[in-house]
Amino acid sequence: MKILVLNSGSSSIKFQLFLMQNEESIASGIIEQIGAEKSRAVLKANGKVYEKFLPIQDHHEGLEVMNELFRESNTLHDLSELDGIGHRIVHGGENFFSSMLVNDEVIKKIEETSPLAPLHNPGHIAGIKNAMQSSKNVPHVVVFDTVFHQSMPEYAYRYALPYEICKEHHIRKYGFHGTSHNYVCKRAATLMGIDHDKFNAISLHLGNGASVCAVQNGKSVDTSMGLSPLEGLIMGTRSGDIDPAALVYLLNANVLKWDEIDTFLNKKSGLFGICGSSDMRDVVAKMQSDERAKLAFDMFCYRVKKYIGAYYAVLGRVDAIIFTGGIGENAPNTRQKICDDLKILGIHINHDLNFDTSNSSERCLDEDDARTKVFVIPTNEELEIARETKKIIENRGK
């Protein structure tokens, strides 16, 4: 069974092709800068890189170029050869509680959710519609980042705002990175020999976007991101948790205007707002000589540590702490700082294992006396989407 996974943005299409018999990725690539005068398309397959630079006006043309690269690499000659196409969707709102086969009603509901994710869902919809035109009779499946968190109880996802307003306008915590949290938790449970439906963990997806998830008996019971990916941890350019009164104060002081708030919080804050760099690698490299870089590093780690403590209180029993994402997988300084002084919670990582840069695979970092396992597990959201797509297609009609 061949499954293609598409992640369509407003000006890009990321894609990965899987052979599901052994869950092998046989090709991956990206179409970027769609709509620009000089777009770029790249495919990696057969140990080679295939690349094109040309104007690509829209997603339909982008998929045509992707097909050309597939044919050039002898990976795939036509999308109609596929057994299924899985689409990553950032926001499912309150409409979706599982992955779904695509039909007109599903597309309509995703469009209705677009106001909650105006930077993501419209691009996803364009990708779905154009892919369906290019792959007649191939089933399409949508997999939502938010679905994993639909198991949160209302007392965890509801905001303390006027109840009727929240209900009418669908204002609540939705959570994101759900596909990633689900994947790494299943892997950790397998590594520990624990049934997934009995597994408790705190999953840390740390990258330019970052979130924490409390997983109880294999299900999300709380997560740090909220109505949007802005809530929670300090991120590359996002503020994370702040007192909303700070914005009112800045508006009244004429430092900010209403139409500047979104950019201020999402693109000018976080690590970038503190020290001028949004990349944790740069922050770590500069922090010995730059006080603000050191401050940004300390603030980032402190916020993660606070969430670990809070979610320990929520879960009661924690089988594992899981680091994933670009920072979680590749920043030993950050992992060490987060885990320092948490022996009271049973967390005690081995310094040498943590700083061993020769190992980039799944691994356990804890000392022998640690009560709580600490894992680094590289995330694989694309494989999780491919698995979901295969499952939905095989179960249709049952």
Protein backbone atom coordinates (compact mmCIF):
# COMPACT_ATOMS: atom_id res chain seq x y z
CA MET A 1 0.00 0.00 0.00
CA LYS A 2 1.37 3.41 -1.03
CA ILE A 3 0.27 6.42 1.04
CA LEU A 4 1.18 10.02 0.23
CA VAL A 5 1.13 12.51 3.11
CA LEU A 6 0.56 16.17 2.23
CA ASN A 7 0.99 19.17 4.52
CA SER A 8 -0.24 22.16 2.52
CA GLY A 9 0.38 25.70 3.74
CA SER A 10 -0.59 29.04 2.23
CA SER A 11 2.56 29.09 0.05
CA SER A 12 4.04 25.61 0.38
CA ILE A 13 3.35 21.89 0.12
CA LYS A 14 5.40 19.42 2.13
CA PHE A 15 5.03 15.80 1.06
CA GLN A 16 6.23 12.31 1.95
CA LEU A 17 5.54 8.98 0.26
CA PHE A 18 5.31 5.79 2.35
CA LEU A 19 5.32 2.12 1.46
CA MET A 20 3.10 0.88 4.28
CA GLN A 21 4.03 -2.81 4.17
CA ASN A 22 7.15 -1.92 6.16
CA GLU A 23 6.26 1.74 6.91
CA GLU A 24 9.21 2.86 4.81
CA SER A 25 9.52 6.44 3.60
CA ILE A 26 10.59 6.17 -0.05
CA ALA A 27 10.45 9.85 -1.02
CA SER A 28 9.99 13.26 0.56
CA GLY A 29 10.12 16.87 -0.52
CA ILE A 30 8.67 20.35 -0.53
CA ILE A 31 7.18 22.86 -2.95
CA GLU A 32 7.86 26.31 -1.50
CA GLN A 33 7.29 29.97 -2.31
CA ILE A 34 4.12 29.16 -4.27
CA GLY A 35 2.93 32.35 -5.97
CA ALA A 36 6.41 33.87 -6.15
CA GLU A 37 8.29 34.60 -9.36
CA LYS A 38 10.83 31.90 -8.59
CA SER A 39 9.42 28.96 -6.65
CA ARG A 40 11.45 25.95 -5.56
CA ALA A 41 10.53 22.27 -5.75
CA VAL A 42 12.76 19.58 -4.29
CA LEU A 43 12.38 15.80 -3.97
CA LYS A 44 14.68 13.37 -2.14
CA ALA A 45 14.45 9.76 -3.32
CA ASN A 46 16.75 6.86 -4.18
CA GLY A 47 19.61 8.59 -2.41
CA LYS A 48 19.39 11.51 -4.86
CA VAL A 49 18.05 15.06 -4.80
CA TYR A 50 15.82 16.29 -7.63
CA GLU A 51 15.27 20.05 -7.77
CA LYS A 52 13.46 22.60 -9.93
CA PHE A 53 13.35 26.42 -9.84
CA LEU A 54 10.42 27.88 -11.77
CA PRO A 55 7.34 30.07 -11.23
CA ILE A 56 4.52 28.10 -9.55
CA GLN A 57 1.30 30.10 -9.45
CA ASP A 58 -0.90 27.97 -7.16
CA HIS A 59 -1.28 24.63 -5.37
CA HIS A 60 -2.55 22.92 -8.54
CA GLU A 61 0.66 23.78 -10.38
CA GLY A 62 2.63 22.80 -7.30
CA LEU A 63 1.15 19.30 -7.36
CA GLU A 64 1.88 19.02 -11.09
CA VAL A 65 5.53 19.85 -10.43
CA MET A 66 5.55 17.32 -7.57
CA ASN A 67 4.26 14.70 -10.04
CA GLU A 68 7.02 15.59 -12.49
CA LEU A 69 9.63 15.04 -9.79
CA PHE A 70 8.06 11.72 -8.84
CA ARG A 71 8.17 10.58 -12.47
CA GLU A 72 11.73 11.83 -12.91
CA SER A 73 12.84 9.79 -9.89
CA ASN A 74 10.84 6.71 -11.01
CA THR A 75 9.15 6.77 -7.60
CA LEU A 76 5.59 7.28 -8.79
CA HIS A 77 4.23 7.84 -12.28
CA ASP A 78 0.80 9.17 -11.41
CA LEU A 79 -1.14 10.01 -8.22
CA SER A 80 -3.84 7.57 -9.34
CA GLU A 81 -1.38 4.76 -8.44
CA LEU A 82 -1.71 5.68 -4.77
CA ASP A 83 -3.83 3.73 -2.30
CA GLY A 84 -4.53 6.86 -0.29
CA ILE A 85 -3.54 10.46 0.44
CA GLY A 86 -3.40 11.78 4.00
CA HIS A 87 -3.65 15.49 4.74
CA ARG A 88 -2.41 17.21 7.88
CA ILE A 89 -4.96 19.75 9.17
CA VAL A 90 -3.88 22.07 11.99
CA HIS A 91 -7.33 22.90 13.39
CA GLY A 92 -10.42 20.72 13.58
CA GLY A 93 -12.24 22.95 16.03
CA GLU A 94 -15.17 21.28 17.77
CA ASN A 95 -16.30 19.56 14.57
CA PHE A 96 -13.89 16.63 14.49
CA PHE A 97 -13.14 13.93 17.06
CA SER A 98 -11.24 11.58 14.72
CA SER A 99 -9.52 11.44 11.36
CA MET A 100 -12.02 11.42 8.50
CA LEU A 101 -12.45 10.33 4.90
CA VAL A 102 -12.76 13.49 2.82
CA ASN A 103 -16.12 14.39 1.28
CA ASP A 104 -17.94 17.66 0.57
CA GLU A 105 -19.35 17.84 4.11
CA VAL A 106 -15.91 17.38 5.69
CA ILE A 107 -14.42 20.11 3.50
CA LYS A 108 -17.30 22.43 4.43
CA LYS A 109 -16.69 21.86 8.16
CA ILE A 110 -12.96 22.54 7.76
CA GLU A 111 -13.84 25.78 5.96
CA GLU A 112 -16.15 26.73 8.86
CA THR A 113 -13.21 26.23 11.24
CA SER A 114 -10.88 28.49 9.21
CA PRO A 115 -11.52 31.61 11.37
CA LEU A 116 -9.82 29.73 14.23
CA ALA A 117 -6.74 29.03 12.07
CA PRO A 118 -6.67 31.67 9.30
CA LEU A 119 -2.96 31.13 8.58
CA HIS A 120 -3.27 27.35 8.19
CA ASN A 121 -6.66 25.90 7.28
CA PRO A 122 -7.21 27.83 4.00
CA GLY A 123 -3.91 26.44 2.69
CA HIS A 124 -4.90 22.94 3.81
CA ILE A 125 -8.22 23.25 1.97
CA ALA A 126 -6.50 24.39 -1.23
CA GLY A 127 -4.16 21.42 -0.98
CA ILE A 128 -7.04 18.96 -0.50
CA LYS A 129 -9.13 20.27 -3.38
CA ASN A 130 -6.26 20.34 -5.84
CA ALA A 131 -4.97 16.93 -4.78
CA MET A 132 -8.43 15.46 -5.28
CA GLN A 133 -8.54 16.87 -8.81
CA SER A 134 -5.17 15.28 -9.56
CA SER A 135 -5.97 11.83 -8.11
CA LYS A 136 -9.33 10.58 -9.30
CA ASN A 137 -10.72 7.60 -7.35
CA VAL A 138 -7.97 7.78 -4.69
CA PRO A 139 -9.39 8.07 -1.15
CA HIS A 140 -8.30 11.11 0.86
CA VAL A 141 -8.12 11.31 4.65
CA VAL A 142 -7.76 14.37 6.89
CA VAL A 143 -5.79 14.04 10.14
CA PHE A 144 -6.16 16.86 12.67
CA ASP A 145 -3.55 18.20 15.12
CA THR A 146 -6.38 18.97 17.54
CA VAL A 147 -8.10 15.55 17.62
CA PHE A 148 -5.71 13.97 20.13
CA HIS A 149 -6.71 16.65 22.66
CA GLN A 150 -10.47 16.15 22.28
CA SER A 151 -10.25 13.80 25.27
CA MET A 152 -9.53 16.73 27.62
CA PRO A 153 -12.25 17.20 30.27
CA GLU A 154 -14.22 20.43 30.12
CA TYR A 155 -12.66 21.76 33.33
CA ALA A 156 -9.28 21.57 31.56
CA TYR A 157 -10.25 23.09 28.21
CA ARG A 158 -12.79 25.72 29.29
CA TYR A 159 -11.65 29.33 29.85
CA ALA A 160 -12.98 31.38 32.78
CA LEU A 161 -14.73 33.84 30.47
CA PRO A 162 -18.51 34.37 30.18
CA TYR A 163 -19.79 30.88 29.43
CA GLU A 164 -22.39 31.81 26.79
CA ILE A 165 -19.85 33.84 24.79
CA CYS A 166 -17.38 30.96 24.82
CA LYS A 167 -20.03 28.50 23.65
CA GLU A 168 -21.37 30.74 20.90
CA HIS A 169 -17.95 31.63 19.50
CA HIS A 170 -16.20 28.29 20.15
CA ILE A 171 -13.64 29.85 22.49
CA ARG A 172 -11.82 27.10 24.39
CA LYS A 173 -8.48 25.33 24.62
CA TYR A 174 -7.99 23.07 21.59
CA GLY A 175 -4.29 22.20 21.78
CA PHE A 176 -1.93 21.39 18.93
CA HIS A 177 1.01 19.09 18.08
CA GLY A 178 -1.45 16.27 18.83
CA THR A 179 -0.12 13.98 16.10
CA SER A 180 3.41 14.36 17.48
CA HIS A 181 2.41 13.85 21.13
CA ASN A 182 0.42 10.76 20.18
CA TYR A 183 3.27 9.25 18.16
CA VAL A 184 6.01 9.69 20.77
CA CYS A 185 3.81 8.50 23.63
CA LYS A 186 2.97 5.29 21.77
CA ARG A 187 6.66 4.76 21.07
CA ALA A 188 7.62 5.36 24.73
CA ALA A 189 4.92 2.98 25.96
CA THR A 190 6.23 0.32 23.57
CA LEU A 191 9.82 0.86 24.74
CA MET A 192 8.72 0.47 28.36
CA GLY A 193 6.51 -2.55 27.68
CA ILE A 194 3.41 -0.77 29.00
CA ASP A 195 0.01 -0.98 27.31
CA HIS A 196 -0.67 2.37 25.67
CA ASP A 197 -4.07 2.64 27.36
CA LYS A 198 -2.36 2.37 30.77
CA PHE A 199 0.52 4.72 30.03
CA ASN A 200 1.01 8.09 31.79
CA ALA A 201 3.50 10.61 30.43
CA ILE A 202 4.44 14.25 30.07
CA SER A 203 5.29 14.86 26.43
CA LEU A 204 7.48 17.87 25.57
CA HIS A 205 7.36 18.89 21.91
CA LEU A 206 9.99 21.61 21.90
CA GLY A 207 10.84 23.48 18.71
CA ASN A 208 10.20 26.89 17.23
CA GLY A 209 6.65 26.08 18.28
CA ALA A 210 6.52 24.29 21.62
CA SER A 211 3.92 22.55 23.74
CA VAL A 212 3.56 20.20 26.71
CA CYS A 213 0.93 17.49 26.95
CA ALA A 214 -0.27 15.55 29.99
CA VAL A 215 -1.17 12.02 28.87
CA GLN A 216 -3.16 9.75 31.19
CA ASN A 217 -3.97 6.18 30.15
CA GLY A 218 -2.86 7.03 26.62
CA LYS A 219 -5.15 10.06 26.27
CA SER A 220 -4.51 13.78 26.43
CA VAL A 221 -5.99 15.30 29.59
CA ASP A 222 -4.34 18.72 29.33
CA THR A 223 -1.96 20.61 27.07
CA SER A 224 -0.23 23.98 27.10
CA MET A 225 -1.40 25.41 23.76
CA GLY A 226 -4.92 26.78 23.71
CA LEU A 227 -7.40 28.40 21.32
CA SER A 228 -4.36 29.00 19.13
CA PRO A 229 -0.73 27.83 19.24
CA LEU A 230 0.14 31.04 21.11
CA GLU A 231 -0.69 29.94 24.67
CA GLY A 232 1.70 28.11 26.97
CA LEU A 233 5.46 27.84 26.62
CA ILE A 234 7.86 30.53 25.45
CA MET A 235 8.61 29.80 21.78
CA GLY A 236 10.85 31.07 19.01
CA THR A 237 8.78 34.18 18.27
CA ARG A 238 5.61 33.54 20.33
CA SER A 239 5.13 34.93 23.81
CA GLY A 240 3.36 32.00 25.44
CA ASP A 241 1.49 32.75 28.68
CA ILE A 242 1.21 36.42 29.61
CA ASP A 243 -1.14 38.57 31.67
CA PRO A 244 -3.75 39.87 29.16
CA ALA A 245 -3.71 43.18 31.04
CA ALA A 246 -0.22 43.79 29.61
CA LEU A 247 -1.81 44.25 26.18
CA VAL A 248 -4.47 46.61 27.53
CA TYR A 249 -1.72 48.65 29.18
CA LEU A 250 0.34 48.83 25.94
CA LEU A 251 -2.76 49.82 23.95
CA ASN A 252 -3.66 52.57 26.41
CA ALA A 253 -0.05 53.79 26.36
CA ASN A 254 -0.19 53.95 22.52
CA VAL A 255 2.77 51.57 22.28
CA LEU A 256 0.57 49.14 20.34
CA LYS A 257 -2.40 49.45 18.00
CA TRP A 258 -5.17 46.86 17.72
CA ASP A 259 -4.05 45.65 14.32
CA GLU A 260 -0.50 45.11 15.61
CA ILE A 261 -1.34 42.73 18.47
CA ASP A 262 -1.23 39.50 16.46
CA THR A 263 2.18 40.26 14.96
CA PHE A 264 3.47 41.51 18.30
CA LEU A 265 2.58 38.29 20.13
CA ASN A 266 3.23 35.75 17.37
CA LYS A 267 6.23 37.13 15.49
CA LYS A 268 8.06 39.65 17.69
CA SER A 269 7.98 37.98 21.09
CA GLY A 270 9.35 34.75 22.58
CA LEU A 271 13.09 34.10 22.40
CA PHE A 272 13.33 36.64 19.59
CA GLY A 273 11.70 39.37 21.64
CA ILE A 274 13.98 38.73 24.61
CA CYS A 275 17.37 38.47 22.90
CA GLY A 276 16.93 39.03 19.15
CA SER A 277 17.27 35.39 18.11
CA SER A 278 14.48 32.84 17.64
CA ASP A 279 16.81 29.85 17.17
CA MET A 280 17.77 28.02 20.36
CA ARG A 281 21.09 27.03 18.79
CA ASP A 282 22.02 30.71 18.46
CA VAL A 283 20.75 31.46 21.95
CA VAL A 284 22.93 28.72 23.49
CA ALA A 285 25.97 29.80 21.43
CA LYS A 286 25.62 33.42 22.59
CA MET A 287 24.58 33.03 26.22
CA GLN A 288 28.09 32.91 27.71
CA SER A 289 28.75 36.46 26.47
CA ASP A 290 25.23 37.83 26.08
CA GLU A 291 23.14 38.38 29.22
CA ARG A 292 19.88 38.60 27.31
CA ALA A 293 20.58 35.31 25.52
CA LYS A 294 21.20 33.71 28.91
CA LEU A 295 17.97 35.25 30.19
CA ALA A 296 16.04 33.88 27.20
CA PHE A 297 17.49 30.40 27.79
CA ASP A 298 16.66 30.48 31.50
CA MET A 299 13.13 31.75 30.89
CA PHE A 300 12.44 29.06 28.28
CA CYS A 301 13.65 26.23 30.53
CA TYR A 302 11.92 27.63 33.62
CA ARG A 303 8.56 27.76 31.84
CA VAL A 304 8.90 24.14 30.69
CA LYS A 305 9.87 23.06 34.22
CA LYS A 306 6.79 24.80 35.66
CA TYR A 307 4.52 22.90 33.29
CA ILE A 308 6.19 19.60 34.20
CA GLY A 309 5.44 20.27 37.86
CA ALA A 310 1.86 21.25 37.12
CA TYR A 311 1.21 18.17 34.99
CA TYR A 312 2.82 15.91 37.59
CA ALA A 313 0.17 17.20 39.99
CA VAL A 314 -2.54 16.51 37.39
CA LEU A 315 -1.38 12.96 36.59
CA GLY A 316 -0.27 11.72 40.01
CA ARG A 317 1.79 8.93 38.39
CA VAL A 318 4.18 9.66 35.53
CA ASP A 319 5.83 6.75 33.75
CA ALA A 320 7.96 8.90 31.44
CA ILE A 321 9.03 12.38 30.40
CA ILE A 322 9.46 12.54 26.61
CA PHE A 323 11.55 15.12 24.73
CA THR A 324 10.85 15.58 21.03
CA GLY A 325 10.92 18.32 18.36
CA GLY A 326 13.95 20.23 17.08
CA ILE A 327 15.00 21.53 20.52
CA GLY A 328 13.82 18.51 22.47
CA GLU A 329 15.81 16.12 20.27
CA ASN A 330 18.94 18.20 19.65
CA ALA A 331 19.56 20.59 22.56
CA PRO A 332 21.21 18.75 25.48
CA ASN A 333 21.86 22.01 27.39
CA THR A 334 18.14 22.70 27.36
CA ARG A 335 17.20 19.18 28.47
CA GLN A 336 19.74 19.35 31.31
CA LYS A 337 18.51 22.73 32.54
CA ILE A 338 14.88 21.60 32.45
CA CYS A 339 15.59 18.38 34.38
CA ASP A 340 17.97 19.87 36.96
CA ASP A 341 16.64 19.83 40.54
CA LEU A 342 13.70 17.53 39.72
CA LYS A 343 14.96 14.50 41.66
CA ILE A 344 12.07 15.03 44.07
CA LEU A 345 9.81 14.02 41.17
CA GLY A 346 11.95 11.00 40.34
CA ILE A 347 13.63 12.71 37.37
CA HIS A 348 17.40 12.24 37.26
CA ILE A 349 19.15 12.21 33.87
CA ASN A 350 22.66 10.99 33.14
CA HIS A 351 24.94 13.84 32.03
CA ASP A 352 27.04 11.73 29.64
CA LEU A 353 24.03 10.10 27.99
CA ASN A 354 22.34 13.46 27.62
CA PHE A 355 25.35 15.11 25.94
CA ASP A 356 26.23 12.15 23.70
CA THR A 357 25.82 13.77 20.26
CA SER A 358 26.75 10.58 18.41
CA ASN A 359 23.32 9.09 19.09
CA SER A 360 20.31 10.70 17.41
CA SER A 361 17.94 7.73 17.70
CA GLU A 362 15.36 6.88 20.34
CA ARG A 363 17.12 6.68 23.69
CA CYS A 364 16.69 6.75 27.45
CA LEU A 365 18.64 9.37 29.46
CA ASP A 366 17.90 8.54 33.08
CA GLU A 367 20.22 7.43 35.84
CA ASP A 368 19.73 4.02 37.46
CA ASP A 369 18.17 5.56 40.57
CA ALA A 370 15.55 7.55 38.63
CA ARG A 371 11.92 6.59 39.24
CA THR A 372 10.70 8.31 36.08
CA LYS A 373 12.05 7.40 32.66
CA VAL A 374 13.28 10.26 30.48
CA PHE A 375 13.26 9.59 26.74
CA VAL A 376 14.40 11.42 23.64
CA ILE A 377 12.16 10.20 20.82
CA PRO A 378 12.42 11.81 17.36
CA THR A 379 8.90 12.64 16.27
CA ASN A 380 7.46 11.32 13.02
CA GLU A 381 4.18 13.10 12.40
CA GLU A 382 4.16 12.10 8.73
CA LEU A 383 4.32 8.39 9.58
CA GLU A 384 1.55 8.82 12.15
CA ILE A 385 -0.60 10.53 9.49
CA ALA A 386 0.16 7.71 7.04
CA ARG A 387 -0.87 5.14 9.67
CA GLU A 388 -4.10 7.00 10.37
CA THR A 389 -4.82 7.25 6.64
CA LYS A 390 -4.27 3.51 6.17
CA LYS A 391 -6.50 2.71 9.14
CA ILE A 392 -9.37 4.92 7.98
CA ILE A 393 -9.21 3.57 4.42
CA GLU A 394 -9.16 -0.07 5.54
CA ASN A 395 -12.07 0.48 7.97
CA ARG A 396 -14.36 2.34 5.56
CA GLY A 397 -17.65 0.60 5.08
CA LYS A 398 -17.22 -1.57 8.18
